Amino acid sequence: MKIGIIGIGSLTLELARRSAQAGYDILIHNPRGNSLVQETIERMEANIELTTIQKAASADIILLFIPKDDLETVLNALPDMTGKIVVHSSNLVFDPQYLLSGITNALTYKITASILPTAHVVKLFNPIKLQINTAELHKKDDEIFFIADHADSKNTVRAFLKSLQFQPINLSGLVMSNKRRFDLKEIMDPFSANLLKSYLN
């Protein structure tokens, strides 16, 4: 399987590293210039290639990390993405009391979905806590969250993340229906559960 990465950030670089180690072929394009990341990429696995946006977009799964100001320009430069799984990634920085309100503010993936209406767009993010109380910090380092509307894409992305040794947590139902009630600790650790409960209650 080939993984395309368009846009460079700490999360996409980590995804590239893990994907390469898992045996995937990685095609990377940096819209702001491949030369800016060439040295970093050359220090990584041999099965990572810097390439054009068209070639990166031809992969089986495409991971995006694009600043909001550049988003429309980059997305409009993509080829036909019909049926493609497009994963819009970000490092989500949030107030520890309001995880879901932070997610709402970070839903630039909806812009991606509107520009690429025939693609299956998934939101992937890695929450970063601004205020850390070491006595209550139980979050696992490898936890990662995603939101997806399309069932097959949801399953594909979950399996892909598991193959990278992540612990994927599907928040789709919580975001789409925040009145849903259940024990959040059944699907995530106490740290994450408490953050979500602050929004749901």
N, C-alpha and C. Protein backbone atom coordinates (compact mmCIF):
# COMPACT_ATOMS: atom_id res chain seq x y z
N MET A 1 0.84 -1.20 0.00
CA MET A 1 0.00 0.00 0.00
C MET A 1 0.87 1.25 0.00
N LYS A 2 0.45 2.25 -0.76
CA LYS A 2 1.18 3.51 -0.81
C LYS A 2 0.46 4.57 0.02
N ILE A 3 1.24 5.35 0.76
CA ILE A 3 0.72 6.42 1.59
C ILE A 3 1.24 7.74 1.05
N GLY A 4 0.35 8.64 0.68
CA GLY A 4 0.75 9.96 0.23
C GLY A 4 0.64 10.96 1.35
N ILE A 5 1.63 11.82 1.47
CA ILE A 5 1.61 12.86 2.50
C ILE A 5 1.82 14.20 1.81
N ILE A 6 0.86 15.10 2.01
CA ILE A 6 0.93 16.43 1.42
C ILE A 6 0.92 17.44 2.56
N GLY A 7 2.06 18.07 2.78
CA GLY A 7 2.20 19.00 3.89
C GLY A 7 2.98 18.37 5.03
N ILE A 8 3.89 19.14 5.60
CA ILE A 8 4.80 18.61 6.63
C ILE A 8 4.52 19.27 7.98
N GLY A 9 4.32 18.42 8.98
CA GLY A 9 4.17 18.85 10.36
C GLY A 9 4.69 17.74 11.25
N SER A 10 4.72 17.96 12.54
CA SER A 10 5.26 16.93 13.43
C SER A 10 4.44 15.65 13.35
N LEU A 11 3.11 15.78 13.18
CA LEU A 11 2.27 14.58 13.11
C LEU A 11 2.49 13.83 11.81
N THR A 12 2.53 14.52 10.67
CA THR A 12 2.71 13.81 9.40
C THR A 12 4.11 13.20 9.30
N LEU A 13 5.10 13.85 9.89
CA LEU A 13 6.44 13.25 9.91
C LEU A 13 6.46 11.97 10.75
N GLU A 14 5.76 11.99 11.87
CA GLU A 14 5.68 10.78 12.69
C GLU A 14 4.92 9.68 11.96
N LEU A 15 3.85 10.06 11.28
CA LEU A 15 3.09 9.08 10.48
C LEU A 15 3.95 8.52 9.36
N ALA A 16 4.77 9.37 8.73
CA ALA A 16 5.67 8.90 7.68
C ALA A 16 6.68 7.91 8.23
N ARG A 17 7.26 8.24 9.37
CA ARG A 17 8.27 7.37 9.98
C ARG A 17 7.68 6.00 10.32
N ARG A 18 6.54 6.01 10.98
CA ARG A 18 5.91 4.74 11.38
C ARG A 18 5.44 3.95 10.16
N SER A 19 4.90 4.66 9.16
CA SER A 19 4.42 3.98 7.96
C SER A 19 5.56 3.29 7.22
N ALA A 20 6.69 3.99 7.12
CA ALA A 20 7.85 3.42 6.45
C ALA A 20 8.35 2.19 7.20
N GLN A 21 8.40 2.28 8.52
CA GLN A 21 8.86 1.15 9.32
C GLN A 21 7.90 -0.03 9.23
N ALA A 22 6.62 0.27 8.97
CA ALA A 22 5.62 -0.81 8.83
C ALA A 22 5.62 -1.41 7.44
N GLY A 23 6.44 -0.87 6.53
CA GLY A 23 6.58 -1.45 5.20
C GLY A 23 5.80 -0.78 4.10
N TYR A 24 5.11 0.33 4.41
CA TYR A 24 4.40 1.07 3.37
C TYR A 24 5.39 1.89 2.53
N ASP A 25 5.01 2.17 1.30
CA ASP A 25 5.77 3.10 0.47
C ASP A 25 5.20 4.50 0.68
N ILE A 26 6.06 5.47 0.98
CA ILE A 26 5.62 6.80 1.35
C ILE A 26 6.00 7.80 0.28
N LEU A 27 5.01 8.56 -0.18
CA LEU A 27 5.21 9.60 -1.19
C LEU A 27 4.89 10.94 -0.54
N ILE A 28 5.88 11.81 -0.42
CA ILE A 28 5.72 13.07 0.31
C ILE A 28 5.85 14.25 -0.65
N HIS A 29 4.93 15.20 -0.50
CA HIS A 29 5.04 16.48 -1.20
C HIS A 29 4.82 17.60 -0.19
N ASN A 30 5.73 18.55 -0.17
CA ASN A 30 5.59 19.73 0.68
C ASN A 30 5.20 20.91 -0.19
N PRO A 31 3.97 21.42 -0.09
CA PRO A 31 3.53 22.50 -0.96
C PRO A 31 4.40 23.75 -0.87
N ARG A 32 5.10 23.93 0.22
CA ARG A 32 5.95 25.11 0.37
C ARG A 32 7.38 24.87 -0.12
N GLY A 33 7.58 23.71 -0.73
CA GLY A 33 8.89 23.41 -1.31
C GLY A 33 9.51 22.17 -0.72
N ASN A 34 9.74 21.16 -1.57
CA ASN A 34 10.35 19.92 -1.10
C ASN A 34 11.76 20.13 -0.57
N SER A 35 12.45 21.15 -1.09
CA SER A 35 13.82 21.39 -0.66
C SER A 35 13.90 21.74 0.83
N LEU A 36 12.81 22.28 1.37
CA LEU A 36 12.79 22.68 2.79
C LEU A 36 12.84 21.47 3.72
N VAL A 37 12.41 20.31 3.23
CA VAL A 37 12.37 19.13 4.10
C VAL A 37 13.25 18.00 3.57
N GLN A 38 14.00 18.26 2.51
CA GLN A 38 14.78 17.19 1.88
C GLN A 38 15.77 16.56 2.85
N GLU A 39 16.47 17.39 3.61
CA GLU A 39 17.47 16.85 4.54
C GLU A 39 16.82 15.98 5.60
N THR A 40 15.66 16.41 6.11
CA THR A 40 14.95 15.62 7.12
C THR A 40 14.51 14.28 6.55
N ILE A 41 13.95 14.31 5.33
CA ILE A 41 13.47 13.08 4.70
C ILE A 41 14.61 12.12 4.41
N GLU A 42 15.75 12.64 4.00
CA GLU A 42 16.89 11.78 3.67
C GLU A 42 17.42 11.03 4.89
N ARG A 43 17.16 11.54 6.07
CA ARG A 43 17.60 10.85 7.30
C ARG A 43 16.61 9.77 7.74
N MET A 44 15.49 9.67 7.04
CA MET A 44 14.47 8.70 7.41
C MET A 44 14.62 7.42 6.58
N GLU A 45 13.58 6.61 6.55
CA GLU A 45 13.65 5.29 5.91
C GLU A 45 13.83 5.41 4.39
N ALA A 46 14.39 4.36 3.79
CA ALA A 46 14.67 4.37 2.35
C ALA A 46 13.40 4.37 1.50
N ASN A 47 12.28 3.88 2.06
CA ASN A 47 11.06 3.78 1.27
C ASN A 47 10.20 5.04 1.38
N ILE A 48 10.84 6.20 1.64
CA ILE A 48 10.17 7.50 1.65
C ILE A 48 10.71 8.31 0.49
N GLU A 49 9.82 8.83 -0.34
CA GLU A 49 10.22 9.56 -1.54
C GLU A 49 9.58 10.94 -1.57
N LEU A 50 10.39 11.98 -1.84
CA LEU A 50 9.86 13.31 -2.11
C LEU A 50 9.42 13.37 -3.56
N THR A 51 8.22 13.90 -3.80
CA THR A 51 7.68 13.82 -5.15
C THR A 51 6.74 14.97 -5.43
N THR A 52 6.02 14.89 -6.54
CA THR A 52 5.08 15.93 -6.93
C THR A 52 3.76 15.75 -6.17
N ILE A 53 2.95 16.79 -6.19
CA ILE A 53 1.65 16.71 -5.53
C ILE A 53 0.75 15.69 -6.22
N GLN A 54 0.89 15.58 -7.55
CA GLN A 54 0.07 14.63 -8.29
C GLN A 54 0.40 13.19 -7.91
N LYS A 55 1.69 12.89 -7.77
CA LYS A 55 2.08 11.53 -7.42
C LYS A 55 1.69 11.19 -5.98
N ALA A 56 1.89 12.15 -5.08
CA ALA A 56 1.49 11.92 -3.68
C ALA A 56 -0.01 11.68 -3.59
N ALA A 57 -0.78 12.40 -4.41
CA ALA A 57 -2.24 12.27 -4.39
C ALA A 57 -2.72 10.98 -5.04
N SER A 58 -1.84 10.25 -5.71
CA SER A 58 -2.23 8.99 -6.35
C SER A 58 -2.17 7.81 -5.39
N ALA A 59 -1.70 8.03 -4.16
CA ALA A 59 -1.55 6.94 -3.19
C ALA A 59 -2.90 6.40 -2.74
N ASP A 60 -2.87 5.30 -2.00
CA ASP A 60 -4.10 4.67 -1.52
C ASP A 60 -4.75 5.47 -0.39
N ILE A 61 -3.93 6.02 0.49
CA ILE A 61 -4.39 6.91 1.55
C ILE A 61 -3.57 8.18 1.46
N ILE A 62 -4.23 9.34 1.50
CA ILE A 62 -3.52 10.61 1.41
C ILE A 62 -3.68 11.35 2.73
N LEU A 63 -2.57 11.70 3.35
CA LEU A 63 -2.55 12.44 4.61
C LEU A 63 -2.24 13.90 4.32
N LEU A 64 -3.07 14.80 4.82
CA LEU A 64 -2.87 16.23 4.60
C LEU A 64 -2.47 16.93 5.90
N PHE A 65 -1.54 17.85 5.80
CA PHE A 65 -1.24 18.78 6.89
C PHE A 65 -0.96 20.12 6.22
N ILE A 66 -2.00 20.93 6.08
CA ILE A 66 -1.92 22.16 5.30
C ILE A 66 -2.45 23.32 6.13
N PRO A 67 -1.69 24.40 6.30
CA PRO A 67 -2.20 25.57 7.02
C PRO A 67 -3.49 26.08 6.38
N LYS A 68 -4.38 26.61 7.19
CA LYS A 68 -5.68 27.06 6.69
C LYS A 68 -5.54 28.07 5.55
N ASP A 69 -4.55 28.96 5.65
CA ASP A 69 -4.38 29.99 4.63
C ASP A 69 -4.01 29.41 3.27
N ASP A 70 -3.39 28.23 3.27
CA ASP A 70 -2.97 27.59 2.01
C ASP A 70 -3.93 26.52 1.54
N LEU A 71 -4.92 26.21 2.36
CA LEU A 71 -5.73 25.00 2.14
C LEU A 71 -6.42 24.99 0.78
N GLU A 72 -7.14 26.03 0.45
CA GLU A 72 -7.90 26.03 -0.80
C GLU A 72 -6.99 25.96 -2.02
N THR A 73 -5.87 26.69 -1.97
CA THR A 73 -4.93 26.69 -3.09
C THR A 73 -4.37 25.29 -3.34
N VAL A 74 -3.96 24.63 -2.27
CA VAL A 74 -3.37 23.29 -2.40
C VAL A 74 -4.42 22.28 -2.84
N LEU A 75 -5.60 22.32 -2.25
CA LEU A 75 -6.63 21.35 -2.60
C LEU A 75 -7.10 21.51 -4.04
N ASN A 76 -7.15 22.73 -4.51
CA ASN A 76 -7.57 22.97 -5.90
C ASN A 76 -6.51 22.51 -6.91
N ALA A 77 -5.29 22.28 -6.43
CA ALA A 77 -4.22 21.80 -7.31
C ALA A 77 -4.21 20.28 -7.42
N LEU A 78 -5.03 19.60 -6.62
CA LEU A 78 -5.06 18.13 -6.63
C LEU A 78 -5.77 17.61 -7.87
N PRO A 79 -5.41 16.41 -8.32
CA PRO A 79 -6.15 15.76 -9.40
C PRO A 79 -7.51 15.29 -8.90
N ASP A 80 -8.25 14.60 -9.74
CA ASP A 80 -9.55 14.06 -9.34
C ASP A 80 -9.36 13.10 -8.15
N MET A 81 -10.05 13.37 -7.05
CA MET A 81 -9.88 12.59 -5.83
C MET A 81 -11.11 11.70 -5.55
N THR A 82 -11.89 11.43 -6.55
CA THR A 82 -13.09 10.63 -6.38
C THR A 82 -12.77 9.26 -5.76
N GLY A 83 -13.43 8.97 -4.64
CA GLY A 83 -13.26 7.69 -3.97
C GLY A 83 -12.00 7.57 -3.13
N LYS A 84 -11.16 8.60 -3.13
CA LYS A 84 -9.91 8.55 -2.36
C LYS A 84 -10.17 8.78 -0.87
N ILE A 85 -9.36 8.14 -0.03
CA ILE A 85 -9.39 8.40 1.41
C ILE A 85 -8.40 9.53 1.68
N VAL A 86 -8.92 10.66 2.10
CA VAL A 86 -8.11 11.85 2.37
C VAL A 86 -8.19 12.13 3.87
N VAL A 87 -7.05 12.04 4.54
CA VAL A 87 -6.99 12.20 5.99
C VAL A 87 -6.44 13.57 6.31
N HIS A 88 -7.29 14.42 6.85
CA HIS A 88 -6.89 15.79 7.20
C HIS A 88 -6.37 15.76 8.63
N SER A 89 -5.07 15.98 8.80
CA SER A 89 -4.45 15.81 10.12
C SER A 89 -4.07 17.14 10.74
N SER A 90 -4.02 17.14 12.07
CA SER A 90 -3.56 18.33 12.79
C SER A 90 -3.16 17.92 14.20
N ASN A 91 -2.30 18.74 14.80
CA ASN A 91 -2.04 18.64 16.23
C ASN A 91 -2.99 19.61 16.90
N LEU A 92 -3.98 19.10 17.61
CA LEU A 92 -5.01 19.93 18.20
C LEU A 92 -4.57 20.40 19.58
N VAL A 93 -4.42 21.71 19.74
CA VAL A 93 -4.09 22.31 21.03
C VAL A 93 -5.40 22.80 21.64
N PHE A 94 -5.71 22.34 22.86
CA PHE A 94 -7.01 22.67 23.43
C PHE A 94 -6.88 23.05 24.90
N ASP A 95 -7.88 23.80 25.37
CA ASP A 95 -8.04 24.06 26.79
C ASP A 95 -8.39 22.73 27.44
N PRO A 96 -7.74 22.36 28.54
CA PRO A 96 -7.99 21.05 29.14
C PRO A 96 -9.44 20.82 29.54
N GLN A 97 -10.24 21.88 29.68
CA GLN A 97 -11.62 21.72 30.10
C GLN A 97 -12.57 21.47 28.93
N TYR A 98 -12.13 21.73 27.69
CA TYR A 98 -13.08 21.73 26.58
C TYR A 98 -12.50 21.08 25.33
N LEU A 99 -12.37 19.78 25.34
CA LEU A 99 -11.81 19.08 24.18
C LEU A 99 -12.69 19.24 22.95
N LEU A 100 -13.99 19.01 23.09
CA LEU A 100 -14.86 19.04 21.91
C LEU A 100 -15.04 20.44 21.36
N SER A 101 -15.01 21.47 22.22
CA SER A 101 -15.09 22.83 21.69
C SER A 101 -13.84 23.14 20.90
N GLY A 102 -12.71 22.60 21.33
CA GLY A 102 -11.48 22.74 20.56
C GLY A 102 -11.57 22.03 19.23
N ILE A 103 -12.18 20.85 19.24
CA ILE A 103 -12.36 20.12 18.00
C ILE A 103 -13.22 20.93 17.03
N THR A 104 -14.30 21.51 17.54
CA THR A 104 -15.19 22.29 16.68
C THR A 104 -14.43 23.42 16.00
N ASN A 105 -13.58 24.10 16.77
CA ASN A 105 -12.80 25.19 16.19
C ASN A 105 -11.76 24.69 15.20
N ALA A 106 -11.41 23.42 15.27
CA ALA A 106 -10.37 22.87 14.41
C ALA A 106 -10.93 22.11 13.21
N LEU A 107 -12.21 22.23 12.95
CA LEU A 107 -12.81 21.42 11.90
C LEU A 107 -12.58 22.00 10.51
N THR A 108 -11.35 22.35 10.22
CA THR A 108 -11.03 22.79 8.86
C THR A 108 -11.16 21.64 7.88
N TYR A 109 -11.27 20.42 8.39
CA TYR A 109 -11.46 19.30 7.47
C TYR A 109 -12.79 19.42 6.74
N LYS A 110 -13.74 20.19 7.29
CA LYS A 110 -15.00 20.43 6.59
C LYS A 110 -14.76 21.24 5.32
N ILE A 111 -13.76 22.14 5.36
CA ILE A 111 -13.39 22.87 4.15
C ILE A 111 -12.86 21.88 3.11
N THR A 112 -12.01 20.97 3.58
CA THR A 112 -11.47 19.95 2.69
C THR A 112 -12.60 19.13 2.07
N ALA A 113 -13.56 18.74 2.90
CA ALA A 113 -14.68 17.94 2.41
C ALA A 113 -15.52 18.70 1.38
N SER A 114 -15.65 20.01 1.57
CA SER A 114 -16.47 20.80 0.63
C SER A 114 -15.76 20.98 -0.70
N ILE A 115 -14.42 21.07 -0.68
CA ILE A 115 -13.67 21.24 -1.92
C ILE A 115 -13.47 19.91 -2.63
N LEU A 116 -13.43 18.83 -1.86
CA LEU A 116 -13.25 17.49 -2.43
C LEU A 116 -14.50 16.65 -2.11
N PRO A 117 -15.65 17.00 -2.69
CA PRO A 117 -16.91 16.36 -2.29
C PRO A 117 -17.01 14.88 -2.65
N THR A 118 -16.21 14.42 -3.61
CA THR A 118 -16.30 13.01 -4.01
C THR A 118 -15.24 12.15 -3.32
N ALA A 119 -14.41 12.77 -2.49
CA ALA A 119 -13.42 12.02 -1.69
C ALA A 119 -14.04 11.65 -0.35
N HIS A 120 -13.42 10.69 0.34
CA HIS A 120 -13.86 10.31 1.69
C HIS A 120 -12.90 10.96 2.67
N VAL A 121 -13.33 12.06 3.27
CA VAL A 121 -12.45 12.86 4.12
C VAL A 121 -12.58 12.43 5.57
N VAL A 122 -11.43 12.17 6.19
CA VAL A 122 -11.35 11.77 7.59
C VAL A 122 -10.55 12.82 8.33
N LYS A 123 -11.01 13.18 9.53
CA LYS A 123 -10.25 14.11 10.38
C LYS A 123 -9.42 13.31 11.37
N LEU A 124 -8.13 13.61 11.42
CA LEU A 124 -7.21 12.92 12.34
C LEU A 124 -6.48 13.97 13.15
N PHE A 125 -6.43 13.78 14.45
CA PHE A 125 -5.71 14.77 15.25
C PHE A 125 -5.10 14.12 16.50
N ASN A 126 -4.08 14.79 16.96
CA ASN A 126 -3.33 14.35 18.12
C ASN A 126 -3.42 15.45 19.17
N PRO A 127 -4.30 15.33 20.17
CA PRO A 127 -4.48 16.41 21.14
C PRO A 127 -3.23 16.68 21.96
N ILE A 128 -2.96 17.96 22.16
CA ILE A 128 -1.83 18.40 22.98
C ILE A 128 -2.39 19.20 24.14
N LYS A 129 -2.14 18.77 25.35
CA LYS A 129 -2.66 19.46 26.52
C LYS A 129 -1.76 20.63 26.87
N LEU A 130 -2.37 21.81 27.05
CA LEU A 130 -1.59 23.00 27.35
C LEU A 130 -1.14 23.03 28.81
N GLN A 131 -2.02 22.61 29.71
CA GLN A 131 -1.70 22.65 31.13
C GLN A 131 -1.66 21.22 31.64
N ILE A 132 -0.49 20.77 32.04
CA ILE A 132 -0.33 19.37 32.42
C ILE A 132 -0.16 19.25 33.93
N ASN A 133 -1.05 18.53 34.55
CA ASN A 133 -0.94 18.19 35.96
C ASN A 133 -0.46 16.75 36.01
N THR A 134 0.80 16.56 36.38
CA THR A 134 1.38 15.22 36.31
C THR A 134 0.65 14.21 37.19
N ALA A 135 -0.03 14.70 38.20
CA ALA A 135 -0.75 13.80 39.09
C ALA A 135 -1.97 13.19 38.41
N GLU A 136 -2.52 13.90 37.39
CA GLU A 136 -3.72 13.39 36.74
C GLU A 136 -3.50 13.02 35.28
N LEU A 137 -2.26 13.09 34.80
CA LEU A 137 -1.99 12.80 33.41
C LEU A 137 -1.88 11.29 33.19
N HIS A 138 -2.88 10.71 32.54
CA HIS A 138 -2.89 9.28 32.29
C HIS A 138 -2.94 8.97 30.81
N LYS A 139 -2.88 9.99 29.98
CA LYS A 139 -3.06 9.78 28.54
C LYS A 139 -1.92 8.96 27.97
N LYS A 140 -2.27 7.98 27.16
CA LYS A 140 -1.26 7.15 26.52
C LYS A 140 -0.64 7.92 25.36
N ASP A 141 0.69 7.83 25.22
CA ASP A 141 1.39 8.57 24.19
C ASP A 141 0.91 8.22 22.79
N ASP A 142 0.45 7.00 22.58
CA ASP A 142 0.10 6.54 21.24
C ASP A 142 -1.38 6.67 20.92
N GLU A 143 -2.15 7.31 21.78
CA GLU A 143 -3.55 7.55 21.47
C GLU A 143 -3.66 8.57 20.37
N ILE A 144 -4.58 8.34 19.43
CA ILE A 144 -4.81 9.29 18.35
C ILE A 144 -6.30 9.24 18.01
N PHE A 145 -6.87 10.38 17.67
CA PHE A 145 -8.32 10.51 17.52
C PHE A 145 -8.69 10.76 16.06
N PHE A 146 -9.86 10.26 15.65
CA PHE A 146 -10.29 10.53 14.29
C PHE A 146 -11.80 10.65 14.21
N ILE A 147 -12.26 11.34 13.15
CA ILE A 147 -13.68 11.54 12.87
C ILE A 147 -13.89 11.18 11.41
N ALA A 148 -14.87 10.32 11.12
CA ALA A 148 -15.12 9.91 9.74
C ALA A 148 -16.61 9.67 9.54
N ASP A 149 -17.12 10.10 8.38
CA ASP A 149 -18.53 9.89 8.05
C ASP A 149 -18.75 8.60 7.26
N HIS A 150 -17.75 8.17 6.50
CA HIS A 150 -17.88 7.05 5.57
C HIS A 150 -17.40 5.76 6.24
N ALA A 151 -18.25 4.75 6.30
CA ALA A 151 -17.96 3.54 7.08
C ALA A 151 -16.71 2.82 6.61
N ASP A 152 -16.57 2.58 5.30
CA ASP A 152 -15.41 1.86 4.80
C ASP A 152 -14.12 2.63 5.07
N SER A 153 -14.15 3.94 4.89
CA SER A 153 -12.96 4.77 5.15
C SER A 153 -12.60 4.74 6.62
N LYS A 154 -13.61 4.76 7.46
CA LYS A 154 -13.40 4.70 8.91
C LYS A 154 -12.66 3.42 9.27
N ASN A 155 -13.11 2.31 8.72
CA ASN A 155 -12.48 1.03 9.02
C ASN A 155 -11.07 0.95 8.46
N THR A 156 -10.87 1.49 7.25
CA THR A 156 -9.54 1.47 6.63
C THR A 156 -8.56 2.30 7.43
N VAL A 157 -8.98 3.49 7.85
CA VAL A 157 -8.09 4.37 8.61
C VAL A 157 -7.79 3.77 9.98
N ARG A 158 -8.79 3.18 10.61
CA ARG A 158 -8.55 2.55 11.91
C ARG A 158 -7.52 1.43 11.79
N ALA A 159 -7.68 0.57 10.77
CA ALA A 159 -6.73 -0.53 10.58
C ALA A 159 -5.34 0.00 10.25
N PHE A 160 -5.27 1.04 9.44
CA PHE A 160 -3.98 1.65 9.09
C PHE A 160 -3.28 2.18 10.34
N LEU A 161 -3.99 2.91 11.18
CA LEU A 161 -3.39 3.47 12.39
C LEU A 161 -2.95 2.38 13.36
N LYS A 162 -3.74 1.31 13.46
CA LYS A 162 -3.35 0.20 14.32
C LYS A 162 -2.07 -0.45 13.81
N SER A 163 -1.91 -0.53 12.49
CA SER A 163 -0.70 -1.12 11.93
C SER A 163 0.54 -0.28 12.23
N LEU A 164 0.31 1.00 12.58
CA LEU A 164 1.42 1.89 12.95
C LEU A 164 1.65 1.92 14.46
N GLN A 165 0.96 1.02 15.17
CA GLN A 165 1.07 0.91 16.62
C GLN A 165 0.46 2.11 17.35
N PHE A 166 -0.52 2.76 16.74
CA PHE A 166 -1.31 3.77 17.42
C PHE A 166 -2.52 3.10 18.07
N GLN A 167 -3.15 3.83 18.98
CA GLN A 167 -4.42 3.40 19.56
C GLN A 167 -5.50 4.35 19.05
N PRO A 168 -6.11 4.05 17.90
CA PRO A 168 -7.08 4.98 17.30
C PRO A 168 -8.39 5.00 18.07
N ILE A 169 -8.90 6.20 18.31
CA ILE A 169 -10.17 6.39 19.02
C ILE A 169 -11.12 7.15 18.10
N ASN A 170 -12.24 6.52 17.79
CA ASN A 170 -13.23 7.09 16.87
C ASN A 170 -14.18 8.01 17.64
N LEU A 171 -14.15 9.30 17.34
CA LEU A 171 -15.02 10.27 17.99
C LEU A 171 -16.20 10.67 17.10
N SER A 172 -16.41 9.99 16.00
CA SER A 172 -17.43 10.41 15.04
C SER A 172 -18.80 10.56 15.69
N GLY A 173 -19.23 9.56 16.45
CA GLY A 173 -20.55 9.61 17.07
C GLY A 173 -20.68 10.72 18.07
N LEU A 174 -19.60 11.04 18.79
CA LEU A 174 -19.66 12.08 19.81
C LEU A 174 -19.85 13.45 19.19
N VAL A 175 -19.13 13.69 18.09
CA VAL A 175 -19.21 15.00 17.44
C VAL A 175 -20.54 15.16 16.72
N MET A 176 -21.05 14.08 16.12
CA MET A 176 -22.28 14.18 15.34
C MET A 176 -23.52 14.21 16.23
N SER A 177 -23.43 13.64 17.42
CA SER A 177 -24.57 13.64 18.33
C SER A 177 -24.08 13.78 19.75
N ASN A 178 -23.87 15.03 20.18
CA ASN A 178 -23.24 15.23 21.49
C ASN A 178 -24.19 14.97 22.66
N LYS A 179 -25.43 14.53 22.38
CA LYS A 179 -26.35 14.18 23.45
C LYS A 179 -26.23 12.71 23.85
N ARG A 180 -25.43 11.97 23.11
CA ARG A 180 -25.24 10.55 23.40
C ARG A 180 -24.60 10.39 24.78
N ARG A 181 -25.08 9.42 25.56
CA ARG A 181 -24.56 9.22 26.91
C ARG A 181 -24.04 7.79 27.05
N PHE A 182 -22.84 7.65 27.54
CA PHE A 182 -22.30 6.32 27.84
C PHE A 182 -21.05 6.52 28.67
N ASP A 183 -20.50 5.45 29.15
CA ASP A 183 -19.28 5.52 29.95
C ASP A 183 -18.09 5.69 29.02
N LEU A 184 -17.55 6.89 28.95
CA LEU A 184 -16.44 7.17 28.04
C LEU A 184 -15.21 6.33 28.36
N LYS A 185 -15.10 5.88 29.59
CA LYS A 185 -13.92 5.11 29.96
C LYS A 185 -13.91 3.74 29.29
N GLU A 186 -15.03 3.37 28.64
CA GLU A 186 -15.05 2.12 27.89
C GLU A 186 -14.23 2.24 26.61
N ILE A 187 -14.05 3.49 26.09
CA ILE A 187 -13.34 3.63 24.83
C ILE A 187 -12.04 4.43 24.95
N MET A 188 -11.78 5.04 26.11
CA MET A 188 -10.55 5.82 26.23
C MET A 188 -10.12 5.89 27.69
N ASP A 189 -8.91 6.38 27.91
CA ASP A 189 -8.37 6.43 29.26
C ASP A 189 -9.03 7.55 30.07
N PRO A 190 -8.84 7.58 31.40
CA PRO A 190 -9.51 8.57 32.24
C PRO A 190 -9.20 10.02 31.86
N PHE A 191 -7.97 10.30 31.44
CA PHE A 191 -7.59 11.65 31.04
C PHE A 191 -8.46 12.15 29.90
N SER A 192 -8.55 11.38 28.82
CA SER A 192 -9.34 11.77 27.67
C SER A 192 -10.83 11.76 27.99
N ALA A 193 -11.27 10.79 28.76
CA ALA A 193 -12.69 10.68 29.10
C ALA A 193 -13.17 11.90 29.86
N ASN A 194 -12.38 12.35 30.82
CA ASN A 194 -12.76 13.52 31.61
C ASN A 194 -12.87 14.77 30.77
N LEU A 195 -11.95 14.90 29.78
CA LEU A 195 -12.00 16.06 28.89
C LEU A 195 -13.27 16.04 28.06
N LEU A 196 -13.65 14.88 27.54
CA LEU A 196 -14.86 14.78 26.73
C LEU A 196 -16.11 14.99 27.58
N LYS A 197 -16.11 14.49 28.79
CA LYS A 197 -17.27 14.63 29.64
C LYS A 197 -17.54 16.11 29.96
N SER A 198 -16.49 16.92 30.02
CA SER A 198 -16.67 18.34 30.29
C SER A 198 -17.51 19.01 29.21
N TYR A 199 -17.46 18.44 28.00
CA TYR A 199 -18.27 18.97 26.91
C TYR A 199 -19.66 18.34 26.88
N LEU A 200 -19.74 17.04 27.11
CA LEU A 200 -20.98 16.32 26.92
C LEU A 200 -21.98 16.57 28.04
N ASN A 201 -21.52 16.91 29.24
CA ASN A 201 -22.42 17.05 30.38
C ASN A 201 -23.11 18.41 30.41
